[in-house]
Amino acid sequence: MPLLEITDLSKEFDGLRALDRVGFSADPAEILGVIGPNGAGKTTLFNIISGIFPPTQGKIIFQGEMIYLLKPHQISRLGIGRTFQLVRPFQNLDVETNILVASGHSFYPSFRKSFTPSQKPEVLEEVQKLIDRTGLRPYARQISKNLPLGIKKRLEIARALALKPRLLLLDEPSGGLRFEESAQLMELIREIREEGIGILLIEHNMQVIMDLCKRIVVLDHGSKIAEGSPEEIRSNPQVIQAYLGKES
């Protein structure tokens, strides 16, 4: 059974159709790439999957359960975590506390209560494991706003992993990173996949997409125009014209 199934997914904003009957599925422990030019609908897709926007039409099924009418906190508790293109840690909290706030999410009766993080031993232990797992040990006590971008990207992933997801939505994780930072992040993403977590990956860095993904979905103007292996996508005339701006 697919981990995630999307069928005829559409979204309109004041008459503008940002997604137009998009459909695909993602398997467990798969890294599925989602690419397309700016304005193609990629982040809108993530926002609908994670419950930020309701769809205008279509269905989203996660682990056999309909989720397209659920709220973001309900979807995260079912096992979907995400990062954002613009990293969003709690700027005045240190790395450890940022992860602690996310790790205790199932214990908090309200968002406000999350600012008094859980001190349960099992939660504190899980935070330390996540710090080591994501290479954040040297930065554990540093205030998040003072961190370099590459470390903030790792913190964003650590906070998403704190939700114990079965599916992780990564929105431009390598954006703005140097080559060495991007290579290290790719290795972390591979390790997450090897742990059995499915990944949907939005990326403009084609080297990252081609190296990490065995299957890629291409969006253009809100529609899916192609789906296939990196080799198939690389040679697809419609993708070349839409994404690379070249004539076939």
C-alpha atoms as a PDB file:
ATOM      1  CA  MET A   1       0.000   0.000   0.000  1.00  0.00           C
ATOM      2  CA  PRO A   2       1.357   3.480  -0.830  1.00  0.00           C
ATOM      3  CA  LEU A   3       2.302   5.658   2.107  1.00  0.00           C
ATOM      4  CA  LEU A   4       0.635   8.666   0.481  1.00  0.00           C
ATOM      5  CA  GLU A   5      -1.965   8.840  -2.303  1.00  0.00           C
ATOM      6  CA  ILE A   6      -3.020  12.116  -3.925  1.00  0.00           C
ATOM      7  CA  THR A   7      -5.922  12.128  -6.375  1.00  0.00           C
ATOM      8  CA  ASP A   8      -7.253  15.000  -8.538  1.00  0.00           C
ATOM      9  CA  LEU A   9      -5.901  17.602  -6.123  1.00  0.00           C
ATOM     10  CA  SER A  10      -6.833  21.189  -7.014  1.00  0.00           C
ATOM     11  CA  LYS A  11      -6.558  24.511  -5.213  1.00  0.00           C
ATOM     12  CA  GLU A  12      -7.986  27.904  -6.192  1.00  0.00           C
ATOM     13  CA  PHE A  13      -7.186  31.283  -4.656  1.00  0.00           C
ATOM     14  CA  ASP A  14      -9.704  33.989  -5.665  1.00  0.00           C
ATOM     15  CA  GLY A  15     -10.272  32.325  -9.008  1.00  0.00           C
ATOM     16  CA  LEU A  16      -6.601  31.548  -9.658  1.00  0.00           C
ATOM     17  CA  ARG A  17      -5.993  27.803  -9.930  1.00  0.00           C
ATOM     18  CA  ALA A  18      -2.678  27.125  -8.179  1.00  0.00           C
ATOM     19  CA  LEU A  19      -3.041  23.319  -8.501  1.00  0.00           C
ATOM     20  CA  ASP A  20      -5.017  21.576 -11.209  1.00  0.00           C
ATOM     21  CA  ARG A  21      -6.003  17.927 -10.626  1.00  0.00           C
ATOM     22  CA  VAL A  22      -2.584  16.763  -9.496  1.00  0.00           C
ATOM     23  CA  GLY A  23      -2.226  13.091  -8.656  1.00  0.00           C
ATOM     24  CA  PHE A  24       0.604  10.757  -7.609  1.00  0.00           C
ATOM     25  CA  SER A  25       1.557   8.330  -4.854  1.00  0.00           C
ATOM     26  CA  ALA A  26       4.598   7.926  -2.616  1.00  0.00           C
ATOM     27  CA  ASP A  27       5.874   4.674  -1.150  1.00  0.00           C
ATOM     28  CA  PRO A  28       7.303   4.026   2.329  1.00  0.00           C
ATOM     29  CA  ALA A  29      11.036   4.787   2.654  1.00  0.00           C
ATOM     30  CA  GLU A  30      11.079   6.489  -0.769  1.00  0.00           C
ATOM     31  CA  ILE A  31      12.612   9.869  -1.599  1.00  0.00           C
ATOM     32  CA  LEU A  32      10.215  11.332  -4.161  1.00  0.00           C
ATOM     33  CA  GLY A  33      11.339  14.561  -5.813  1.00  0.00           C
ATOM     34  CA  VAL A  34       8.936  17.388  -6.669  1.00  0.00           C
ATOM     35  CA  ILE A  35      10.331  19.954  -9.093  1.00  0.00           C
ATOM     36  CA  GLY A  36       9.109  22.735 -11.327  1.00  0.00           C
ATOM     37  CA  PRO A  37       9.708  26.408 -12.115  1.00  0.00           C
ATOM     38  CA  ASN A  38       8.796  29.163  -9.671  1.00  0.00           C
ATOM     39  CA  GLY A  39       5.025  29.393  -9.283  1.00  0.00           C
ATOM     40  CA  ALA A  40       4.464  25.793 -10.354  1.00  0.00           C
ATOM     41  CA  GLY A  41       2.496  24.982  -7.185  1.00  0.00           C
ATOM     42  CA  LYS A  42       5.084  22.987  -5.239  1.00  0.00           C
ATOM     43  CA  THR A  43       4.786  24.774  -1.885  1.00  0.00           C
ATOM     44  CA  THR A  44       1.008  24.998  -2.288  1.00  0.00           C
ATOM     45  CA  LEU A  45       1.047  21.215  -2.610  1.00  0.00           C
ATOM     46  CA  PHE A  46       3.002  20.894   0.652  1.00  0.00           C
ATOM     47  CA  ASN A  47       0.679  23.355   2.385  1.00  0.00           C
ATOM     48  CA  ILE A  48      -2.350  21.262   1.431  1.00  0.00           C
ATOM     49  CA  ILE A  49      -0.767  17.949   2.440  1.00  0.00           C
ATOM     50  CA  SER A  50       0.195  19.396   5.839  1.00  0.00           C
ATOM     51  CA  GLY A  51      -3.240  20.939   6.409  1.00  0.00           C
ATOM     52  CA  ILE A  52      -2.362  24.633   6.147  1.00  0.00           C
ATOM     53  CA  PHE A  53      -4.749  25.032   3.176  1.00  0.00           C
ATOM     54  CA  PRO A  54      -7.822  22.925   2.437  1.00  0.00           C
ATOM     55  CA  PRO A  55      -8.040  21.651  -1.143  1.00  0.00           C
ATOM     56  CA  THR A  56     -10.665  22.986  -3.521  1.00  0.00           C
ATOM     57  CA  GLN A  57     -11.155  19.428  -4.732  1.00  0.00           C
ATOM     58  CA  GLY A  58      -9.430  16.070  -4.633  1.00  0.00           C
ATOM     59  CA  LYS A  59      -8.340  13.600  -1.975  1.00  0.00           C
ATOM     60  CA  ILE A  60      -5.243  12.915   0.121  1.00  0.00           C
ATOM     61  CA  ILE A  61      -4.898   9.502   1.736  1.00  0.00           C
ATOM     62  CA  PHE A  62      -2.074   8.866   4.213  1.00  0.00           C
ATOM     63  CA  GLN A  63      -1.509   5.301   5.428  1.00  0.00           C
ATOM     64  CA  GLY A  64      -5.013   4.435   4.243  1.00  0.00           C
ATOM     65  CA  GLU A  65      -6.690   7.356   6.080  1.00  0.00           C
ATOM     66  CA  MET A  66      -8.319  10.420   4.517  1.00  0.00           C
ATOM     67  CA  ILE A  67      -6.499  13.504   5.816  1.00  0.00           C
ATOM     68  CA  TYR A  68      -7.481  16.356   3.483  1.00  0.00           C
ATOM     69  CA  LEU A  69     -10.051  17.787   5.926  1.00  0.00           C
ATOM     70  CA  LEU A  70      -7.856  17.563   9.028  1.00  0.00           C
ATOM     71  CA  LYS A  71      -6.085  20.414  10.811  1.00  0.00           C
ATOM     72  CA  PRO A  72      -2.261  20.725  10.769  1.00  0.00           C
ATOM     73  CA  HIS A  73      -1.775  19.453  14.342  1.00  0.00           C
ATOM     74  CA  GLN A  74      -3.968  16.423  13.606  1.00  0.00           C
ATOM     75  CA  ILE A  75      -1.987  15.636  10.470  1.00  0.00           C
ATOM     76  CA  SER A  76       1.351  15.969  12.280  1.00  0.00           C
ATOM     77  CA  ARG A  77       0.180  13.583  14.992  1.00  0.00           C
ATOM     78  CA  LEU A  78      -0.747  11.032  12.332  1.00  0.00           C
ATOM     79  CA  GLY A  79       2.878  11.041  11.179  1.00  0.00           C
ATOM     80  CA  ILE A  80       3.578  13.847   8.682  1.00  0.00           C
ATOM     81  CA  GLY A  81       6.343  16.327   9.491  1.00  0.00           C
ATOM     82  CA  ARG A  82       7.608  19.181   7.343  1.00  0.00           C
ATOM     83  CA  THR A  83      10.233  21.845   6.958  1.00  0.00           C
ATOM     84  CA  PHE A  84       9.827  25.253   5.333  1.00  0.00           C
ATOM     85  CA  GLN A  85      11.806  26.997   2.608  1.00  0.00           C
ATOM     86  CA  LEU A  86      12.421  29.857   5.040  1.00  0.00           C
ATOM     87  CA  VAL A  87      13.672  28.254   8.244  1.00  0.00           C
ATOM     88  CA  ARG A  88      11.450  28.966  11.253  1.00  0.00           C
ATOM     89  CA  PRO A  89      13.090  28.023  14.558  1.00  0.00           C
ATOM     90  CA  PHE A  90      12.156  29.837  17.752  1.00  0.00           C
ATOM     91  CA  GLN A  91      14.855  32.466  17.347  1.00  0.00           C
ATOM     92  CA  ASN A  92      15.521  33.201  21.019  1.00  0.00           C
ATOM     93  CA  LEU A  93      15.595  29.576  22.163  1.00  0.00           C
ATOM     94  CA  ASP A  94      18.657  27.368  21.984  1.00  0.00           C
ATOM     95  CA  VAL A  95      18.862  24.324  19.727  1.00  0.00           C
ATOM     96  CA  GLU A  96      18.060  21.847  22.496  1.00  0.00           C
ATOM     97  CA  THR A  97      14.943  23.730  23.613  1.00  0.00           C
ATOM     98  CA  ASN A  98      13.729  24.131  20.023  1.00  0.00           C
ATOM     99  CA  ILE A  99      13.808  20.355  19.615  1.00  0.00           C
ATOM    100  CA  LEU A 100      12.349  19.820  23.096  1.00  0.00           C
ATOM    101  CA  VAL A 101       9.310  21.947  22.233  1.00  0.00           C
ATOM    102  CA  ALA A 102       8.672  19.759  19.171  1.00  0.00           C
ATOM    103  CA  SER A 103       9.465  16.457  20.907  1.00  0.00           C
ATOM    104  CA  GLY A 104       6.809  16.915  23.571  1.00  0.00           C
ATOM    105  CA  HIS A 105       4.064  17.884  21.109  1.00  0.00           C
ATOM    106  CA  SER A 106       1.852  14.946  22.044  1.00  0.00           C
ATOM    107  CA  PHE A 107       1.882  16.013  25.711  1.00  0.00           C
ATOM    108  CA  TYR A 108       0.827  19.631  25.173  1.00  0.00           C
ATOM    109  CA  PRO A 109      -2.903  20.419  25.462  1.00  0.00           C
ATOM    110  CA  SER A 110      -2.364  23.765  23.655  1.00  0.00           C
ATOM    111  CA  PHE A 111       0.275  25.689  21.697  1.00  0.00           C
ATOM    112  CA  ARG A 112       0.818  28.082  24.609  1.00  0.00           C
ATOM    113  CA  LYS A 113       1.661  25.161  26.910  1.00  0.00           C
ATOM    114  CA  SER A 114       4.504  24.157  24.569  1.00  0.00           C
ATOM    115  CA  PHE A 115       6.550  27.101  25.849  1.00  0.00           C
ATOM    116  CA  THR A 116       6.937  25.208  29.121  1.00  0.00           C
ATOM    117  CA  PRO A 117       8.567  22.185  27.470  1.00  0.00           C
ATOM    118  CA  SER A 118       7.985  18.693  28.769  1.00  0.00           C
ATOM    119  CA  GLN A 119      10.620  17.452  31.213  1.00  0.00           C
ATOM    120  CA  LYS A 120       9.599  13.796  31.016  1.00  0.00           C
ATOM    121  CA  PRO A 121      12.728  11.616  30.993  1.00  0.00           C
ATOM    122  CA  GLU A 122      11.731   9.820  27.793  1.00  0.00           C
ATOM    123  CA  VAL A 123      11.268  13.155  26.002  1.00  0.00           C
ATOM    124  CA  LEU A 124      14.614  14.517  27.233  1.00  0.00           C
ATOM    125  CA  GLU A 125      16.325  11.321  26.117  1.00  0.00           C
ATOM    126  CA  GLU A 126      14.723  11.544  22.674  1.00  0.00           C
ATOM    127  CA  VAL A 127      15.950  15.140  22.288  1.00  0.00           C
ATOM    128  CA  GLN A 128      19.542  14.082  22.957  1.00  0.00           C
ATOM    129  CA  LYS A 129      19.245  11.295  20.379  1.00  0.00           C
ATOM    130  CA  LEU A 130      17.911  13.763  17.792  1.00  0.00           C
ATOM    131  CA  ILE A 131      20.746  16.204  18.493  1.00  0.00           C
ATOM    132  CA  ASP A 132      23.304  13.471  17.813  1.00  0.00           C
ATOM    133  CA  ARG A 133      21.347  12.027  14.885  1.00  0.00           C
ATOM    134  CA  THR A 134      21.322  15.375  13.043  1.00  0.00           C
ATOM    135  CA  GLY A 135      24.888  16.446  13.884  1.00  0.00           C
ATOM    136  CA  LEU A 136      23.838  19.298  16.170  1.00  0.00           C
ATOM    137  CA  ARG A 137      25.787  18.328  19.290  1.00  0.00           C
ATOM    138  CA  PRO A 138      28.342  21.215  19.026  1.00  0.00           C
ATOM    139  CA  TYR A 139      25.454  23.711  18.770  1.00  0.00           C
ATOM    140  CA  ALA A 140      23.067  22.279  21.362  1.00  0.00           C
ATOM    141  CA  ARG A 141      23.283  25.265  23.743  1.00  0.00           C
ATOM    142  CA  GLN A 142      23.554  27.984  21.111  1.00  0.00           C
ATOM    143  CA  ILE A 143      20.696  30.439  20.510  1.00  0.00           C
ATOM    144  CA  SER A 144      19.040  29.647  17.199  1.00  0.00           C
ATOM    145  CA  LYS A 145      19.117  33.150  15.727  1.00  0.00           C
ATOM    146  CA  ASN A 146      22.933  33.120  15.940  1.00  0.00           C
ATOM    147  CA  LEU A 147      23.378  29.903  13.960  1.00  0.00           C
ATOM    148  CA  PRO A 148      24.664  29.765  10.358  1.00  0.00           C
ATOM    149  CA  LEU A 149      22.096  28.806   7.725  1.00  0.00           C
ATOM    150  CA  GLY A 150      23.378  25.261   7.258  1.00  0.00           C
ATOM    151  CA  ILE A 151      22.932  24.497  10.966  1.00  0.00           C
ATOM    152  CA  LYS A 152      19.489  26.120  10.998  1.00  0.00           C
ATOM    153  CA  LYS A 153      18.503  23.781   8.151  1.00  0.00           C
ATOM    154  CA  ARG A 154      19.600  20.800  10.238  1.00  0.00           C
ATOM    155  CA  LEU A 155      17.659  22.153  13.215  1.00  0.00           C
ATOM    156  CA  GLU A 156      14.570  22.472  11.009  1.00  0.00           C
ATOM    157  CA  ILE A 157      14.898  18.799  10.072  1.00  0.00           C
ATOM    158  CA  ALA A 158      15.527  17.794  13.704  1.00  0.00           C
ATOM    159  CA  ARG A 159      12.336  19.554  14.815  1.00  0.00           C
ATOM    160  CA  ALA A 160      10.363  17.789  12.084  1.00  0.00           C
ATOM    161  CA  LEU A 161      11.856  14.430  13.099  1.00  0.00           C
ATOM    162  CA  ALA A 162      10.821  15.137  16.685  1.00  0.00           C
ATOM    163  CA  LEU A 163       7.239  14.575  15.526  1.00  0.00           C
ATOM    164  CA  LYS A 164       8.238  10.944  14.790  1.00  0.00           C
ATOM    165  CA  PRO A 165       6.968  11.137  11.205  1.00  0.00           C
ATOM    166  CA  ARG A 166       6.388   8.340   8.741  1.00  0.00           C
ATOM    167  CA  LEU A 167       6.469  10.965   5.978  1.00  0.00           C
ATOM    168  CA  LEU A 168       8.748  14.015   5.894  1.00  0.00           C
ATOM    169  CA  LEU A 169       8.087  16.988   3.586  1.00  0.00           C
ATOM    170  CA  LEU A 170      11.342  18.846   2.862  1.00  0.00           C
ATOM    171  CA  ASP A 171      10.929  22.248   1.162  1.00  0.00           C
ATOM    172  CA  GLU A 172      14.206  23.403  -0.438  1.00  0.00           C
ATOM    173  CA  PRO A 173      16.497  21.934   2.253  1.00  0.00           C
ATOM    174  CA  SER A 174      19.686  22.764   0.311  1.00  0.00           C
ATOM    175  CA  GLY A 175      18.634  26.296  -0.658  1.00  0.00           C
ATOM    176  CA  GLY A 176      21.370  28.840   0.096  1.00  0.00           C
ATOM    177  CA  LEU A 177      23.917  26.228   1.207  1.00  0.00           C
ATOM    178  CA  ARG A 178      27.521  25.848   0.072  1.00  0.00           C
ATOM    179  CA  PHE A 179      28.513  22.692  -1.803  1.00  0.00           C
ATOM    180  CA  GLU A 180      30.000  21.020   1.289  1.00  0.00           C
ATOM    181  CA  GLU A 181      26.938  21.838   3.411  1.00  0.00           C
ATOM    182  CA  SER A 182      24.620  20.554   0.700  1.00  0.00           C
ATOM    183  CA  ALA A 183      26.569  17.282   0.415  1.00  0.00           C
ATOM    184  CA  GLN A 184      26.397  16.757   4.189  1.00  0.00           C
ATOM    185  CA  LEU A 185      22.663  17.451   4.193  1.00  0.00           C
ATOM    186  CA  MET A 186      22.142  14.956   1.363  1.00  0.00           C
ATOM    187  CA  GLU A 187      23.846  12.310   3.488  1.00  0.00           C
ATOM    188  CA  LEU A 188      21.520  13.104   6.396  1.00  0.00           C
ATOM    189  CA  ILE A 189      18.497  12.770   4.099  1.00  0.00           C
ATOM    190  CA  ARG A 190      19.737   9.376   2.913  1.00  0.00           C
ATOM    191  CA  GLU A 191      20.116   8.244   6.518  1.00  0.00           C
ATOM    192  CA  ILE A 192      16.551   9.332   7.288  1.00  0.00           C
ATOM    193  CA  ARG A 193      15.284   7.321   4.317  1.00  0.00           C
ATOM    194  CA  GLU A 194      17.252   4.274   5.485  1.00  0.00           C
ATOM    195  CA  GLU A 195      15.387   4.487   8.808  1.00  0.00           C
ATOM    196  CA  GLY A 196      12.158   3.772   6.895  1.00  0.00           C
ATOM    197  CA  ILE A 197      10.816   7.330   6.660  1.00  0.00           C
ATOM    198  CA  GLY A 198       9.277   8.413   3.360  1.00  0.00           C
ATOM    199  CA  ILE A 199      10.375  11.792   1.999  1.00  0.00           C
ATOM    200  CA  LEU A 200       8.807  14.287  -0.393  1.00  0.00           C
ATOM    201  CA  LEU A 201      11.568  16.627  -1.542  1.00  0.00           C
ATOM    202  CA  ILE A 202      11.108  20.015  -3.219  1.00  0.00           C
ATOM    203  CA  GLU A 203      14.406  21.211  -4.686  1.00  0.00           C
ATOM    204  CA  HIS A 204      15.737  23.638  -7.287  1.00  0.00           C
ATOM    205  CA  ASN A 205      19.195  22.081  -7.016  1.00  0.00           C
ATOM    206  CA  MET A 206      19.033  19.513  -9.809  1.00  0.00           C
ATOM    207  CA  GLN A 207      22.172  17.714  -8.628  1.00  0.00           C
ATOM    208  CA  VAL A 208      20.509  17.060  -5.267  1.00  0.00           C
ATOM    209  CA  ILE A 209      17.287  15.832  -6.895  1.00  0.00           C
ATOM    210  CA  MET A 210      19.023  13.594  -9.425  1.00  0.00           C
ATOM    211  CA  ASP A 211      21.340  12.063  -6.816  1.00  0.00           C
ATOM    212  CA  LEU A 212      18.728  11.429  -4.109  1.00  0.00           C
ATOM    213  CA  CYS A 213      15.560  10.493  -5.983  1.00  0.00           C
ATOM    214  CA  LYS A 214      14.670   7.403  -7.976  1.00  0.00           C
ATOM    215  CA  ARG A 215      11.385   9.010  -9.010  1.00  0.00           C
ATOM    216  CA  ILE A 216      10.483  12.635  -9.727  1.00  0.00           C
ATOM    217  CA  VAL A 217       7.179  14.490 -10.201  1.00  0.00           C
ATOM    218  CA  VAL A 218       7.269  17.662 -12.303  1.00  0.00           C
ATOM    219  CA  LEU A 219       4.752  20.489 -11.905  1.00  0.00           C
ATOM    220  CA  ASP A 220       4.219  23.447 -14.209  1.00  0.00           C
ATOM    221  CA  HIS A 221       1.522  26.119 -13.763  1.00  0.00           C
ATOM    222  CA  GLY A 222      -0.190  23.905 -11.180  1.00  0.00           C
ATOM    223  CA  SER A 223      -0.396  20.780 -13.347  1.00  0.00           C
ATOM    224  CA  LYS A 224       1.644  17.608 -13.296  1.00  0.00           C
ATOM    225  CA  ILE A 225       3.437  17.424 -16.635  1.00  0.00           C
ATOM    226  CA  ALA A 226       5.707  14.431 -16.009  1.00  0.00           C
ATOM    227  CA  GLU A 227       6.605  11.657 -13.596  1.00  0.00           C
ATOM    228  CA  GLY A 228       9.444   9.194 -13.866  1.00  0.00           C
ATOM    229  CA  SER A 229      13.055   8.320 -13.157  1.00  0.00           C
ATOM    230  CA  PRO A 230      15.787  10.988 -13.214  1.00  0.00           C
ATOM    231  CA  GLU A 231      16.851   9.746 -16.649  1.00  0.00           C
ATOM    232  CA  GLU A 232      13.302   9.994 -17.990  1.00  0.00           C
ATOM    233  CA  ILE A 233      12.792  13.462 -16.520  1.00  0.00           C
ATOM    234  CA  ARG A 234      16.145  14.734 -17.767  1.00  0.00           C
ATOM    235  CA  SER A 235      15.276  13.812 -21.365  1.00  0.00           C
ATOM    236  CA  ASN A 236      11.550  14.706 -21.317  1.00  0.00           C
ATOM    237  CA  PRO A 237      10.924  17.454 -23.943  1.00  0.00           C
ATOM    238  CA  GLN A 238       8.006  18.948 -22.011  1.00  0.00           C
ATOM    239  CA  VAL A 239      10.122  19.209 -18.867  1.00  0.00           C
ATOM    240  CA  ILE A 240      13.023  20.749 -20.782  1.00  0.00           C
ATOM    241  CA  GLN A 241      10.733  23.390 -22.252  1.00  0.00           C
ATOM    242  CA  ALA A 242       8.845  24.175 -19.033  1.00  0.00           C
ATOM    243  CA  TYR A 243      11.546  23.850 -16.429  1.00  0.00           C
ATOM    244  CA  LEU A 244      14.737  24.711 -18.279  1.00  0.00           C
ATOM    245  CA  GLY A 245      13.179  27.215 -20.663  1.00  0.00           C
ATOM    246  CA  LYS A 246      14.515  25.527 -23.786  1.00  0.00           C
ATOM    247  CA  GLU A 247      12.806  24.351 -26.887  1.00  0.00           C
ATOM    248  CA  SER A 248      12.598  20.597 -27.368  1.00  0.00           C
END
